[in-house]
Amino acid sequence: MDKAVEILDVVALMEDLPPHGLYRGQVGTVVESLAPHVFEVEFSDNEGRTYASLALEAGQLMILRHEPGEVA
């Protein structure tokens, strides 16, 4: 079963968003829940400077995991 998106989840973008300078695979952090299944995601460089922040739907995101998950 897929885990629901939560604040502070590290996520990857699942589609290109050229008007925002964002492309599939870019990594961001969920910083706020705006509505059901809609989240503010912040994209930052290696120095911690935000270069994009925008509202995205859960379906546009893949949660990244750093530990083994449970088998559903």
Protein backbone atom coordinates (compact mmCIF):
# COMPACT_ATOMS: atom_id res chain seq x y z
CA MET A 1 0.00 0.00 0.00
CA ASP A 2 1.32 3.46 -0.89
CA LYS A 3 2.07 5.80 1.98
CA ALA A 4 0.17 9.09 1.97
CA VAL A 5 2.23 12.23 1.39
CA GLU A 6 3.09 14.02 4.63
CA ILE A 7 4.81 17.27 5.62
CA LEU A 8 8.63 16.93 5.49
CA ASP A 9 8.51 13.97 3.08
CA VAL A 10 11.30 14.04 0.52
CA VAL A 11 9.70 13.64 -2.90
CA ALA A 12 10.67 13.42 -6.55
CA LEU A 13 8.76 15.18 -9.29
CA MET A 14 7.01 12.73 -11.64
CA GLU A 15 6.63 15.07 -14.62
CA ASP A 16 8.33 17.97 -16.36
CA LEU A 17 7.15 21.48 -15.43
CA PRO A 18 9.25 23.65 -17.79
CA PRO A 19 7.43 26.94 -16.98
CA HIS A 20 8.77 26.54 -13.42
CA GLY A 21 12.22 25.30 -14.46
CA LEU A 22 11.47 21.88 -12.95
CA TYR A 23 11.89 18.48 -14.55
CA ARG A 24 11.01 14.88 -13.79
CA GLY A 25 13.23 13.46 -11.09
CA GLN A 26 14.04 16.71 -9.31
CA VAL A 27 13.92 16.30 -5.54
CA GLY A 28 12.00 18.53 -3.16
CA THR A 29 10.57 18.62 0.34
CA VAL A 30 6.88 18.85 1.25
CA VAL A 31 6.58 21.94 3.45
CA GLU A 32 2.81 22.42 3.76
CA SER A 33 -0.51 20.70 3.14
CA LEU A 34 -2.74 23.10 1.18
CA ALA A 35 -5.80 20.94 0.54
CA PRO A 36 -6.61 17.24 0.33
CA HIS A 37 -3.92 15.75 -1.93
CA VAL A 38 -2.33 19.18 -2.65
CA PHE A 39 1.02 20.14 -1.14
CA GLU A 40 3.49 23.00 -1.20
CA VAL A 41 6.82 21.53 -2.28
CA GLU A 42 10.10 23.40 -1.93
CA PHE A 43 13.02 22.68 -4.25
CA SER A 44 16.44 23.74 -2.95
CA ASP A 45 20.02 23.57 -4.20
CA ASN A 46 22.91 21.90 -2.36
CA GLU A 47 23.50 25.12 -0.41
CA GLY A 48 19.92 25.11 0.91
CA ARG A 49 18.75 28.02 -1.28
CA THR A 50 15.20 27.60 -2.54
CA TYR A 51 14.94 27.89 -6.31
CA ALA A 52 11.28 26.89 -6.65
CA SER A 53 8.27 26.46 -4.40
CA LEU A 54 4.88 25.51 -5.74
CA ALA A 55 1.64 23.66 -5.10
CA LEU A 56 1.61 20.14 -6.49
CA GLU A 57 -0.89 17.31 -6.40
CA ALA A 58 0.04 14.03 -4.75
CA GLY A 59 -0.12 12.28 -8.14
CA GLN A 60 2.73 14.48 -9.39
CA LEU A 61 5.03 13.24 -6.63
CA MET A 62 6.88 10.09 -5.67
CA ILE A 63 7.85 9.72 -2.01
CA LEU A 64 11.53 8.80 -1.67
CA ARG A 65 12.48 6.29 0.97
CA HIS A 66 15.82 5.77 2.65
CA GLU A 67 14.89 2.65 4.61
CA PRO A 68 13.40 -0.71 3.65
CA GLY A 69 9.62 -0.66 3.45
CA GLU A 70 7.06 -3.19 4.51
CA VAL A 71 5.68 -5.69 2.03
CA ALA A 72 1.99 -5.02 1.41
